[in-house]
C-alpha cells in the first residue's frame, strides 16, 4: 500500500468502527476499516 494513499484515506475517513457480519475492527483507522470491509466482502460472497 502506498503510504500517501493510506494517509489520505485516514485523513478523510469518518470516525467509528467497521462491524461486518464476518469481519470487524477494534480501534481501527479509516484505511484499516476499508480493508476490513473488503475482506468481509470476500468471506460473505464465498
ModelCIF file with pLDDT and N, C-alpha, C, O atoms, coordinates in Angstrom:
data_MODEL
#
_entry.id   MODEL 
#
_entity.id                         1 
_entity.type                       polymer 
_entity.pdbx_number_of_molecules   1 
#
_entity_poly.entity_id                      1 
_entity_poly.type                           'polypeptide(L)' 
_entity_poly.nstd_linkage                   no 
_entity_poly.nstd_monomer                   no 
_entity_poly.pdbx_seq_one_letter_code       
;(UNK)(UNK)(UNK)(UNK)(UNK)(UNK)(UNK)(UNK)(UNK)(UNK)(UNK)(UNK)(UNK)(UNK)(UNK)(UNK)
(UNK)(UNK)(UNK)(UNK)(UNK)(UNK)(UNK)(UNK)(UNK)(UNK)(UNK)(UNK)(UNK)(UNK)(UNK)(UNK)
(UNK)(UNK)(UNK)(UNK)(UNK)(UNK)(UNK)(UNK)(UNK)(UNK)(UNK)(UNK)(UNK)(UNK)
;
_entity_poly.pdbx_seq_one_letter_code_can   XXXXXXXXXXXXXXXXXXXXXXXXXXXXXXXXXXXXXXXXXXXXXX 
_entity_poly.pdbx_strand_id                 A 
#
loop_
_entity_poly_seq.entity_id 
_entity_poly_seq.num 
_entity_poly_seq.mon_id 
_entity_poly_seq.hetero 
1 1  UNK n 
1 2  UNK n 
1 3  UNK n 
1 4  UNK n 
1 5  UNK n 
1 6  UNK n 
1 7  UNK n 
1 8  UNK n 
1 9  UNK n 
1 10 UNK n 
1 11 UNK n 
1 12 UNK n 
1 13 UNK n 
1 14 UNK n 
1 15 UNK n 
1 16 UNK n 
1 17 UNK n 
1 18 UNK n 
1 19 UNK n 
1 20 UNK n 
1 21 UNK n 
1 22 UNK n 
1 23 UNK n 
1 24 UNK n 
1 25 UNK n 
1 26 UNK n 
1 27 UNK n 
1 28 UNK n 
1 29 UNK n 
1 30 UNK n 
1 31 UNK n 
1 32 UNK n 
1 33 UNK n 
1 34 UNK n 
1 35 UNK n 
1 36 UNK n 
1 37 UNK n 
1 38 UNK n 
1 39 UNK n 
1 40 UNK n 
1 41 UNK n 
1 42 UNK n 
1 43 UNK n 
1 44 UNK n 
1 45 UNK n 
1 46 UNK n 
#
_struct_asym.id          A 
_struct_asym.entity_id   1 
#
loop_
_ma_qa_metric.id 
_ma_qa_metric.mode 
_ma_qa_metric.name 
_ma_qa_metric.software_group_id 
_ma_qa_metric.type 
1 global pLDDT . pLDDT 
2 local  pLDDT . pLDDT 
#
_ma_qa_metric_global.metric_id      1 
_ma_qa_metric_global.metric_value   95.57 
_ma_qa_metric_global.model_id       1 
_ma_qa_metric_global.ordinal_id     1 
#
loop_
_ma_qa_metric_local.label_asym_id 
_ma_qa_metric_local.label_comp_id 
_ma_qa_metric_local.label_seq_id 
_ma_qa_metric_local.metric_id 
_ma_qa_metric_local.metric_value 
_ma_qa_metric_local.model_id 
_ma_qa_metric_local.ordinal_id 
A UNK 1  2 98.00 1 1  
A UNK 2  2 97.00 1 2  
A UNK 3  2 97.00 1 3  
A UNK 4  2 97.00 1 4  
A UNK 5  2 97.00 1 5  
A UNK 6  2 97.00 1 6  
A UNK 7  2 97.00 1 7  
A UNK 8  2 97.00 1 8  
A UNK 9  2 97.00 1 9  
A UNK 10 2 97.00 1 10 
A UNK 11 2 95.00 1 11 
A UNK 12 2 91.00 1 12 
A UNK 13 2 82.00 1 13 
A UNK 14 2 79.00 1 14 
A UNK 15 2 79.00 1 15 
A UNK 16 2 87.00 1 16 
A UNK 17 2 94.00 1 17 
A UNK 18 2 97.00 1 18 
A UNK 19 2 97.00 1 19 
A UNK 20 2 97.00 1 20 
A UNK 21 2 97.00 1 21 
A UNK 22 2 98.00 1 22 
A UNK 23 2 98.00 1 23 
A UNK 24 2 98.00 1 24 
A UNK 25 2 97.00 1 25 
A UNK 26 2 94.00 1 26 
A UNK 27 2 93.00 1 27 
A UNK 28 2 95.00 1 28 
A UNK 29 2 96.00 1 29 
A UNK 30 2 97.00 1 30 
A UNK 31 2 97.00 1 31 
A UNK 32 2 97.00 1 32 
A UNK 33 2 97.00 1 33 
A UNK 34 2 97.00 1 34 
A UNK 35 2 98.00 1 35 
A UNK 36 2 98.00 1 36 
A UNK 37 2 98.00 1 37 
A UNK 38 2 98.00 1 38 
A UNK 39 2 98.00 1 39 
A UNK 40 2 98.00 1 40 
A UNK 41 2 98.00 1 41 
A UNK 42 2 98.00 1 42 
A UNK 43 2 98.00 1 43 
A UNK 44 2 98.00 1 44 
A UNK 45 2 98.00 1 45 
A UNK 46 2 98.00 1 46 
#
loop_
_atom_site.group_PDB 
_atom_site.id 
_atom_site.type_symbol 
_atom_site.label_atom_id 
_atom_site.label_alt_id 
_atom_site.label_comp_id 
_atom_site.label_asym_id 
_atom_site.label_entity_id 
_atom_site.label_seq_id 
_atom_site.pdbx_PDB_ins_code 
_atom_site.Cartn_x 
_atom_site.Cartn_y 
_atom_site.Cartn_z 
_atom_site.occupancy 
_atom_site.B_iso_or_equiv 
_atom_site.pdbx_formal_charge 
_atom_site.auth_seq_id 
_atom_site.auth_comp_id 
_atom_site.auth_asym_id 
_atom_site.auth_atom_id 
_atom_site.pdbx_PDB_model_num 
ATOM 1   N N  . UNK A 1 1  ? 0.823   -1.211  0.000  1.00 98.00 ? 1  UNK A N  1 
ATOM 2   C CA . UNK A 1 1  ? 0.000   0.000   0.000  1.00 98.00 ? 1  UNK A CA 1 
ATOM 3   C C  . UNK A 1 1  ? 0.861   1.267   0.000  1.00 98.00 ? 1  UNK A C  1 
ATOM 4   O O  . UNK A 1 1  ? 1.723   1.419   0.865  1.00 98.00 ? 1  UNK A O  1 
ATOM 5   N N  . UNK A 1 2  ? 0.642   2.178   -0.955 1.00 97.00 ? 2  UNK A N  1 
ATOM 6   C CA . UNK A 1 2  ? 1.385   3.440   -0.972 1.00 97.00 ? 2  UNK A CA 1 
ATOM 7   C C  . UNK A 1 2  ? 1.080   4.253   0.284  1.00 97.00 ? 2  UNK A C  1 
ATOM 8   O O  . UNK A 1 2  ? -0.092  4.464   0.596  1.00 97.00 ? 2  UNK A O  1 
ATOM 9   N N  . UNK A 1 3  ? 2.091   4.711   1.008  1.00 97.00 ? 3  UNK A N  1 
ATOM 10  C CA . UNK A 1 3  ? 1.836   5.445   2.254  1.00 97.00 ? 3  UNK A CA 1 
ATOM 11  C C  . UNK A 1 3  ? 0.952   6.669   2.067  1.00 97.00 ? 3  UNK A C  1 
ATOM 12  O O  . UNK A 1 3  ? 0.146   6.996   2.938  1.00 97.00 ? 3  UNK A O  1 
ATOM 13  N N  . UNK A 1 4  ? 1.101   7.349   0.926  1.00 97.00 ? 4  UNK A N  1 
ATOM 14  C CA . UNK A 1 4  ? 0.304   8.548   0.722  1.00 97.00 ? 4  UNK A CA 1 
ATOM 15  C C  . UNK A 1 4  ? -1.184  8.228   0.603  1.00 97.00 ? 4  UNK A C  1 
ATOM 16  O O  . UNK A 1 4  ? -2.030  9.033   0.994  1.00 97.00 ? 4  UNK A O  1 
ATOM 17  N N  . UNK A 1 5  ? -1.505  7.043   0.058  1.00 97.00 ? 5  UNK A N  1 
ATOM 18  C CA . UNK A 1 5  ? -2.908  6.635   -0.044 1.00 97.00 ? 5  UNK A CA 1 
ATOM 19  C C  . UNK A 1 5  ? -3.457  6.286   1.336  1.00 97.00 ? 5  UNK A C  1 
ATOM 20  O O  . UNK A 1 5  ? -4.579  6.662   1.676  1.00 97.00 ? 5  UNK A O  1 
ATOM 21  N N  . UNK A 1 6  ? -2.670  5.572   2.122  1.00 97.00 ? 6  UNK A N  1 
ATOM 22  C CA . UNK A 1 6  ? -3.097  5.244   3.490  1.00 97.00 ? 6  UNK A CA 1 
ATOM 23  C C  . UNK A 1 6  ? -3.343  6.524   4.276  1.00 97.00 ? 6  UNK A C  1 
ATOM 24  O O  . UNK A 1 6  ? -4.355  6.642   4.968  1.00 97.00 ? 6  UNK A O  1 
ATOM 25  N N  . UNK A 1 7  ? -2.428  7.482   4.176  1.00 97.00 ? 7  UNK A N  1 
ATOM 26  C CA . UNK A 1 7  ? -2.553  8.726   4.935  1.00 97.00 ? 7  UNK A CA 1 
ATOM 27  C C  . UNK A 1 7  ? -3.776  9.525   4.497  1.00 97.00 ? 7  UNK A C  1 
ATOM 28  O O  . UNK A 1 7  ? -4.511  10.038  5.341  1.00 97.00 ? 7  UNK A O  1 
ATOM 29  N N  . UNK A 1 8  ? -4.008  9.639   3.179  1.00 97.00 ? 8  UNK A N  1 
ATOM 30  C CA . UNK A 1 8  ? -5.159  10.415  2.709  1.00 97.00 ? 8  UNK A CA 1 
ATOM 31  C C  . UNK A 1 8  ? -6.468  9.744   3.094  1.00 97.00 ? 8  UNK A C  1 
ATOM 32  O O  . UNK A 1 8  ? -7.435  10.423  3.438  1.00 97.00 ? 8  UNK A O  1 
ATOM 33  N N  . UNK A 1 9  ? -6.507  8.423   3.041  1.00 97.00 ? 9  UNK A N  1 
ATOM 34  C CA . UNK A 1 9  ? -7.715  7.708   3.459  1.00 97.00 ? 9  UNK A CA 1 
ATOM 35  C C  . UNK A 1 9  ? -7.986  7.942   4.937  1.00 97.00 ? 9  UNK A C  1 
ATOM 36  O O  . UNK A 1 9  ? -9.126  8.182   5.335  1.00 97.00 ? 9  UNK A O  1 
ATOM 37  N N  . UNK A 1 10 ? -6.940  7.871   5.748  1.00 97.00 ? 10 UNK A N  1 
ATOM 38  C CA . UNK A 1 10 ? -7.114  8.113   7.183  1.00 97.00 ? 10 UNK A CA 1 
ATOM 39  C C  . UNK A 1 10 ? -7.565  9.540   7.461  1.00 97.00 ? 10 UNK A C  1 
ATOM 40  O O  . UNK A 1 10 ? -8.403  9.771   8.332  1.00 97.00 ? 10 UNK A O  1 
ATOM 41  N N  . UNK A 1 11 ? -7.005  10.507  6.715  1.00 95.00 ? 11 UNK A N  1 
ATOM 42  C CA . UNK A 1 11 ? -7.338  11.912  6.947  1.00 95.00 ? 11 UNK A CA 1 
ATOM 43  C C  . UNK A 1 11 ? -8.765  12.240  6.539  1.00 95.00 ? 11 UNK A C  1 
ATOM 44  O O  . UNK A 1 11 ? -9.401  13.113  7.129  1.00 95.00 ? 11 UNK A O  1 
ATOM 45  N N  . UNK A 1 12 ? -9.267  11.541  5.529  1.00 91.00 ? 12 UNK A N  1 
ATOM 46  C CA . UNK A 1 12 ? -10.605 11.867  5.024  1.00 91.00 ? 12 UNK A CA 1 
ATOM 47  C C  . UNK A 1 12 ? -11.690 10.951  5.570  1.00 91.00 ? 12 UNK A C  1 
ATOM 48  O O  . UNK A 1 12 ? -12.871 11.151  5.288  1.00 91.00 ? 12 UNK A O  1 
ATOM 49  N N  . UNK A 1 13 ? -11.298 9.946   6.349  1.00 82.00 ? 13 UNK A N  1 
ATOM 50  C CA . UNK A 1 13 ? -12.267 8.973   6.832  1.00 82.00 ? 13 UNK A CA 1 
ATOM 51  C C  . UNK A 1 13 ? -13.067 9.459   8.029  1.00 82.00 ? 13 UNK A C  1 
ATOM 52  O O  . UNK A 1 13 ? -12.672 10.383  8.739  1.00 82.00 ? 13 UNK A O  1 
ATOM 53  N N  . UNK A 1 14 ? -14.179 8.819   8.223  1.00 79.00 ? 14 UNK A N  1 
ATOM 54  C CA . UNK A 1 14 ? -15.048 9.161   9.343  1.00 79.00 ? 14 UNK A CA 1 
ATOM 55  C C  . UNK A 1 14 ? -14.677 8.339   10.573 1.00 79.00 ? 14 UNK A C  1 
ATOM 56  O O  . UNK A 1 14 ? -14.044 7.288   10.470 1.00 79.00 ? 14 UNK A O  1 
ATOM 57  N N  . UNK A 1 15 ? -15.087 8.843   11.742 1.00 79.00 ? 15 UNK A N  1 
ATOM 58  C CA . UNK A 1 15 ? -14.866 8.101   12.970 1.00 79.00 ? 15 UNK A CA 1 
ATOM 59  C C  . UNK A 1 15 ? -15.806 6.900   13.032 1.00 79.00 ? 15 UNK A C  1 
ATOM 60  O O  . UNK A 1 15 ? -16.817 6.856   12.331 1.00 79.00 ? 15 UNK A O  1 
ATOM 61  N N  . UNK A 1 16 ? -15.464 5.935   13.871 1.00 87.00 ? 16 UNK A N  1 
ATOM 62  C CA . UNK A 1 16 ? -16.333 4.776   14.040 1.00 87.00 ? 16 UNK A CA 1 
ATOM 63  C C  . UNK A 1 16 ? -15.651 3.494   13.632 1.00 87.00 ? 16 UNK A C  1 
ATOM 64  O O  . UNK A 1 16 ? -14.603 3.523   12.986 1.00 87.00 ? 16 UNK A O  1 
ATOM 65  N N  . UNK A 1 17 ? -16.228 2.377   14.000 1.00 94.00 ? 17 UNK A N  1 
ATOM 66  C CA . UNK A 1 17 ? -15.664 1.065   13.717 1.00 94.00 ? 17 UNK A CA 1 
ATOM 67  C C  . UNK A 1 17 ? -16.397 0.405   12.551 1.00 94.00 ? 17 UNK A C  1 
ATOM 68  O O  . UNK A 1 17 ? -17.523 0.772   12.216 1.00 94.00 ? 17 UNK A O  1 
ATOM 69  N N  . UNK A 1 18 ? -15.743 -0.563  11.951 1.00 97.00 ? 18 UNK A N  1 
ATOM 70  C CA . UNK A 1 18 ? -16.404 -1.401  10.952 1.00 97.00 ? 18 UNK A CA 1 
ATOM 71  C C  . UNK A 1 18 ? -16.947 -2.625  11.670 1.00 97.00 ? 18 UNK A C  1 
ATOM 72  O O  . UNK A 1 18 ? -16.204 -3.344  12.338 1.00 97.00 ? 18 UNK A O  1 
ATOM 73  N N  . UNK A 1 19 ? -18.237 -2.856  11.532 1.00 97.00 ? 19 UNK A N  1 
ATOM 74  C CA . UNK A 1 19 ? -18.875 -4.012  12.160 1.00 97.00 ? 19 UNK A CA 1 
ATOM 75  C C  . UNK A 1 19 ? -19.606 -4.796  11.093 1.00 97.00 ? 19 UNK A C  1 
ATOM 76  O O  . UNK A 1 19 ? -20.792 -4.576  10.845 1.00 97.00 ? 19 UNK A O  1 
ATOM 77  N N  . UNK A 1 20 ? -18.892 -5.711  10.463 1.00 97.00 ? 20 UNK A N  1 
ATOM 78  C CA . UNK A 1 20 ? -19.499 -6.531  9.439  1.00 97.00 ? 20 UNK A CA 1 
ATOM 79  C C  . UNK A 1 20 ? -19.999 -7.841  10.005 1.00 97.00 ? 20 UNK A C  1 
ATOM 80  O O  . UNK A 1 20 ? -19.876 -8.099  11.202 1.00 97.00 ? 20 UNK A O  1 
ATOM 81  N N  . UNK A 1 21 ? -20.558 -8.658  9.152  1.00 97.00 ? 21 UNK A N  1 
ATOM 82  C CA . UNK A 1 21 ? -21.074 -9.944  9.610  1.00 97.00 ? 21 UNK A CA 1 
ATOM 83  C C  . UNK A 1 21 ? -19.933 -10.900 9.975  1.00 97.00 ? 21 UNK A C  1 
ATOM 84  O O  . UNK A 1 21 ? -20.060 -11.711 10.893 1.00 97.00 ? 21 UNK A O  1 
ATOM 85  N N  . UNK A 1 22 ? -18.818 -10.792 9.242  1.00 98.00 ? 22 UNK A N  1 
ATOM 86  C CA . UNK A 1 22 ? -17.726 -11.740 9.449  1.00 98.00 ? 22 UNK A CA 1 
ATOM 87  C C  . UNK A 1 22 ? -16.417 -11.078 9.893  1.00 98.00 ? 22 UNK A C  1 
ATOM 88  O O  . UNK A 1 22 ? -15.589 -11.720 10.538 1.00 98.00 ? 22 UNK A O  1 
ATOM 89  N N  . UNK A 1 23 ? -16.225 -9.797  9.551  1.00 98.00 ? 23 UNK A N  1 
ATOM 90  C CA . UNK A 1 23 ? -15.034 -9.062  9.947  1.00 98.00 ? 23 UNK A CA 1 
ATOM 91  C C  . UNK A 1 23 ? -15.434 -7.800  10.690 1.00 98.00 ? 23 UNK A C  1 
ATOM 92  O O  . UNK A 1 23 ? -16.481 -7.209  10.425 1.00 98.00 ? 23 UNK A O  1 
ATOM 93  N N  . UNK A 1 24 ? -14.583 -7.398  11.624 1.00 98.00 ? 24 UNK A N  1 
ATOM 94  C CA . UNK A 1 24 ? -14.827 -6.192  12.389 1.00 98.00 ? 24 UNK A CA 1 
ATOM 95  C C  . UNK A 1 24 ? -13.493 -5.545  12.744 1.00 98.00 ? 24 UNK A C  1 
ATOM 96  O O  . UNK A 1 24 ? -12.438 -6.171  12.647 1.00 98.00 ? 24 UNK A O  1 
ATOM 97  N N  . UNK A 1 25 ? -13.558 -4.286  13.155 1.00 97.00 ? 25 UNK A N  1 
ATOM 98  C CA . UNK A 1 25 ? -12.342 -3.612  13.593 1.00 97.00 ? 25 UNK A CA 1 
ATOM 99  C C  . UNK A 1 25 ? -12.458 -3.248  15.063 1.00 97.00 ? 25 UNK A C  1 
ATOM 100 O O  . UNK A 1 25 ? -13.549 -3.132  15.621 1.00 97.00 ? 25 UNK A O  1 
ATOM 101 N N  . UNK A 1 26 ? -11.309 -3.076  15.656 1.00 94.00 ? 26 UNK A N  1 
ATOM 102 C CA . UNK A 1 26 ? -11.225 -2.605  17.032 1.00 94.00 ? 26 UNK A CA 1 
ATOM 103 C C  . UNK A 1 26 ? -10.232 -1.460  17.055 1.00 94.00 ? 26 UNK A C  1 
ATOM 104 O O  . UNK A 1 26 ? -9.031  -1.657  16.870 1.00 94.00 ? 26 UNK A O  1 
ATOM 105 N N  . UNK A 1 27 ? -10.748 -0.257  17.286 1.00 93.00 ? 27 UNK A N  1 
ATOM 106 C CA . UNK A 1 27 ? -9.929  0.950   17.245 1.00 93.00 ? 27 UNK A CA 1 
ATOM 107 C C  . UNK A 1 27 ? -9.269  1.094   15.881 1.00 93.00 ? 27 UNK A C  1 
ATOM 108 O O  . UNK A 1 27 ? -8.120  1.524   15.775 1.00 93.00 ? 27 UNK A O  1 
ATOM 109 N N  . UNK A 1 28 ? -9.995  0.739   14.862 1.00 95.00 ? 28 UNK A N  1 
ATOM 110 C CA . UNK A 1 28 ? -9.437  0.761   13.512 1.00 95.00 ? 28 UNK A CA 1 
ATOM 111 C C  . UNK A 1 28 ? -9.429  2.145   12.902 1.00 95.00 ? 28 UNK A C  1 
ATOM 112 O O  . UNK A 1 28 ? -10.398 2.896   13.019 1.00 95.00 ? 28 UNK A O  1 
ATOM 113 N N  . UNK A 1 29 ? -8.335  2.475   12.253 1.00 96.00 ? 29 UNK A N  1 
ATOM 114 C CA . UNK A 1 29 ? -8.256  3.715   11.499 1.00 96.00 ? 29 UNK A CA 1 
ATOM 115 C C  . UNK A 1 29 ? -9.001  3.544   10.174 1.00 96.00 ? 29 UNK A C  1 
ATOM 116 O O  . UNK A 1 29 ? -9.266  2.415   9.760  1.00 96.00 ? 29 UNK A O  1 
ATOM 117 N N  . UNK A 1 30 ? -9.344  4.649   9.503  1.00 97.00 ? 30 UNK A N  1 
ATOM 118 C CA . UNK A 1 30 ? -10.165 4.548   8.293  1.00 97.00 ? 30 UNK A CA 1 
ATOM 119 C C  . UNK A 1 30 ? -9.631  3.577   7.248  1.00 97.00 ? 30 UNK A C  1 
ATOM 120 O O  . UNK A 1 30 ? -10.413 2.827   6.665  1.00 97.00 ? 30 UNK A O  1 
ATOM 121 N N  . UNK A 1 31 ? -8.312  3.566   6.990  1.00 97.00 ? 31 UNK A N  1 
ATOM 122 C CA . UNK A 1 31 ? -7.804  2.639   5.979  1.00 97.00 ? 31 UNK A CA 1 
ATOM 123 C C  . UNK A 1 31 ? -7.985  1.194   6.438  1.00 97.00 ? 31 UNK A C  1 
ATOM 124 O O  . UNK A 1 31 ? -8.307  0.324   5.629  1.00 97.00 ? 31 UNK A O  1 
ATOM 125 N N  . UNK A 1 32 ? -7.783  0.937   7.708  1.00 97.00 ? 32 UNK A N  1 
ATOM 126 C CA . UNK A 1 32 ? -7.968  -0.415  8.236  1.00 97.00 ? 32 UNK A CA 1 
ATOM 127 C C  . UNK A 1 32 ? -9.437  -0.817  8.177  1.00 97.00 ? 32 UNK A C  1 
ATOM 128 O O  . UNK A 1 32 ? -9.762  -1.976  7.919  1.00 97.00 ? 32 UNK A O  1 
ATOM 129 N N  . UNK A 1 33 ? -10.310 0.137   8.416  1.00 97.00 ? 33 UNK A N  1 
ATOM 130 C CA . UNK A 1 33 ? -11.742 -0.168  8.289  1.00 97.00 ? 33 UNK A CA 1 
ATOM 131 C C  . UNK A 1 33 ? -12.094 -0.467  6.829  1.00 97.00 ? 33 UNK A C  1 
ATOM 132 O O  . UNK A 1 33 ? -12.933 -1.322  6.543  1.00 97.00 ? 33 UNK A O  1 
ATOM 133 N N  . UNK A 1 34 ? -11.439 0.253   5.914  1.00 97.00 ? 34 UNK A N  1 
ATOM 134 C CA . UNK A 1 34 ? -11.664 -0.022  4.491  1.00 97.00 ? 34 UNK A CA 1 
ATOM 135 C C  . UNK A 1 34 ? -11.208 -1.435  4.151  1.00 97.00 ? 34 UNK A C  1 
ATOM 136 O O  . UNK A 1 34 ? -11.908 -2.154  3.437  1.00 97.00 ? 34 UNK A O  1 
ATOM 137 N N  . UNK A 1 35 ? -10.059 -1.835  4.646  1.00 98.00 ? 35 UNK A N  1 
ATOM 138 C CA . UNK A 1 35 ? -9.576  -3.194  4.413  1.00 98.00 ? 35 UNK A CA 1 
ATOM 139 C C  . UNK A 1 35 ? -10.543 -4.223  4.987  1.00 98.00 ? 35 UNK A C  1 
ATOM 140 O O  . UNK A 1 35 ? -10.838 -5.228  4.341  1.00 98.00 ? 35 UNK A O  1 
ATOM 141 N N  . UNK A 1 36 ? -11.031 -3.977  6.185  1.00 98.00 ? 36 UNK A N  1 
ATOM 142 C CA . UNK A 1 36 ? -11.964 -4.919  6.808  1.00 98.00 ? 36 UNK A CA 1 
ATOM 143 C C  . UNK A 1 36 ? -13.216 -5.097  5.956  1.00 98.00 ? 36 UNK A C  1 
ATOM 144 O O  . UNK A 1 36 ? -13.744 -6.202  5.840  1.00 98.00 ? 36 UNK A O  1 
ATOM 145 N N  . UNK A 1 37 ? -13.687 -4.001  5.362  1.00 98.00 ? 37 UNK A N  1 
ATOM 146 C CA . UNK A 1 37 ? -14.861 -4.094  4.507  1.00 98.00 ? 37 UNK A CA 1 
ATOM 147 C C  . UNK A 1 37 ? -14.619 -4.926  3.273  1.00 98.00 ? 37 UNK A C  1 
ATOM 148 O O  . UNK A 1 37 ? -15.500 -5.663  2.831  1.00 98.00 ? 37 UNK A O  1 
ATOM 149 N N  . UNK A 1 38 ? -13.423 -4.814  2.712  1.00 98.00 ? 38 UNK A N  1 
ATOM 150 C CA . UNK A 1 38 ? -13.108 -5.590  1.517  1.00 98.00 ? 38 UNK A CA 1 
ATOM 151 C C  . UNK A 1 38 ? -12.982 -7.080  1.862  1.00 98.00 ? 38 UNK A C  1 
ATOM 152 O O  . UNK A 1 38 ? -13.483 -7.930  1.125  1.00 98.00 ? 38 UNK A O  1 
ATOM 153 N N  . UNK A 1 39 ? -12.326 -7.393  2.962  1.00 98.00 ? 39 UNK A N  1 
ATOM 154 C CA . UNK A 1 39 ? -12.190 -8.797  3.362  1.00 98.00 ? 39 UNK A CA 1 
ATOM 155 C C  . UNK A 1 39 ? -13.550 -9.384  3.721  1.00 98.00 ? 39 UNK A C  1 
ATOM 156 O O  . UNK A 1 39 ? -13.816 -10.556 3.456  1.00 98.00 ? 39 UNK A O  1 
ATOM 157 N N  . UNK A 1 40 ? -14.402 -8.575  4.317  1.00 98.00 ? 40 UNK A N  1 
ATOM 158 C CA . UNK A 1 40 ? -15.753 -9.034  4.643  1.00 98.00 ? 40 UNK A CA 1 
ATOM 159 C C  . UNK A 1 40 ? -16.514 -9.408  3.381  1.00 98.00 ? 40 UNK A C  1 
ATOM 160 O O  . UNK A 1 40 ? -17.302 -10.354 3.376  1.00 98.00 ? 40 UNK A O  1 
ATOM 161 N N  . UNK A 1 41 ? -16.274 -8.664  2.318  1.00 98.00 ? 41 UNK A N  1 
ATOM 162 C CA . UNK A 1 41 ? -16.943 -8.957  1.055  1.00 98.00 ? 41 UNK A CA 1 
ATOM 163 C C  . UNK A 1 41 ? -16.498 -10.326 0.521  1.00 98.00 ? 41 UNK A C  1 
ATOM 164 O O  . UNK A 1 41 ? -17.319 -11.084 0.005  1.00 98.00 ? 41 UNK A O  1 
ATOM 165 N N  . UNK A 1 42 ? -15.205 -10.645 0.642  1.00 98.00 ? 42 UNK A N  1 
ATOM 166 C CA . UNK A 1 42 ? -14.702 -11.947 0.196  1.00 98.00 ? 42 UNK A CA 1 
ATOM 167 C C  . UNK A 1 42 ? -15.395 -13.072 0.956  1.00 98.00 ? 42 UNK A C  1 
ATOM 168 O O  . UNK A 1 42 ? -15.911 -14.016 0.359  1.00 98.00 ? 42 UNK A O  1 
ATOM 169 N N  . UNK A 1 43 ? -15.398 -12.958 2.283  1.00 98.00 ? 43 UNK A N  1 
ATOM 170 C CA . UNK A 1 43 ? -15.970 -14.017 3.113  1.00 98.00 ? 43 UNK A CA 1 
ATOM 171 C C  . UNK A 1 43 ? -17.466 -14.159 2.855  1.00 98.00 ? 43 UNK A C  1 
ATOM 172 O O  . UNK A 1 43 ? -17.986 -15.268 2.737  1.00 98.00 ? 43 UNK A O  1 
ATOM 173 N N  . UNK A 1 44 ? -18.141 -13.033 2.771  1.00 98.00 ? 44 UNK A N  1 
ATOM 174 C CA . UNK A 1 44 ? -19.593 -13.061 2.547  1.00 98.00 ? 44 UNK A CA 1 
ATOM 175 C C  . UNK A 1 44 ? -19.932 -13.742 1.230  1.00 98.00 ? 44 UNK A C  1 
ATOM 176 O O  . UNK A 1 44 ? -20.823 -14.589 1.173  1.00 98.00 ? 44 UNK A O  1 
ATOM 177 N N  . UNK A 1 45 ? -19.220 -13.373 0.172  1.00 98.00 ? 45 UNK A N  1 
ATOM 178 C CA . UNK A 1 45 ? -19.536 -13.934 -1.139 1.00 98.00 ? 45 UNK A CA 1 
ATOM 179 C C  . UNK A 1 45 ? -19.255 -15.434 -1.171 1.00 98.00 ? 45 UNK A C  1 
ATOM 180 O O  . UNK A 1 45 ? -20.045 -16.196 -1.727 1.00 98.00 ? 45 UNK A O  1 
ATOM 181 N N  . UNK A 1 46 ? -18.151 -15.860 -0.588 1.00 98.00 ? 46 UNK A N  1 
ATOM 182 C CA . UNK A 1 46 ? -17.846 -17.289 -0.620 1.00 98.00 ? 46 UNK A CA 1 
ATOM 183 C C  . UNK A 1 46 ? -18.850 -18.090 0.208  1.00 98.00 ? 46 UNK A C  1 
ATOM 184 O O  . UNK A 1 46 ? -18.744 -19.313 0.293  1.00 98.00 ? 46 UNK A O  1 
#
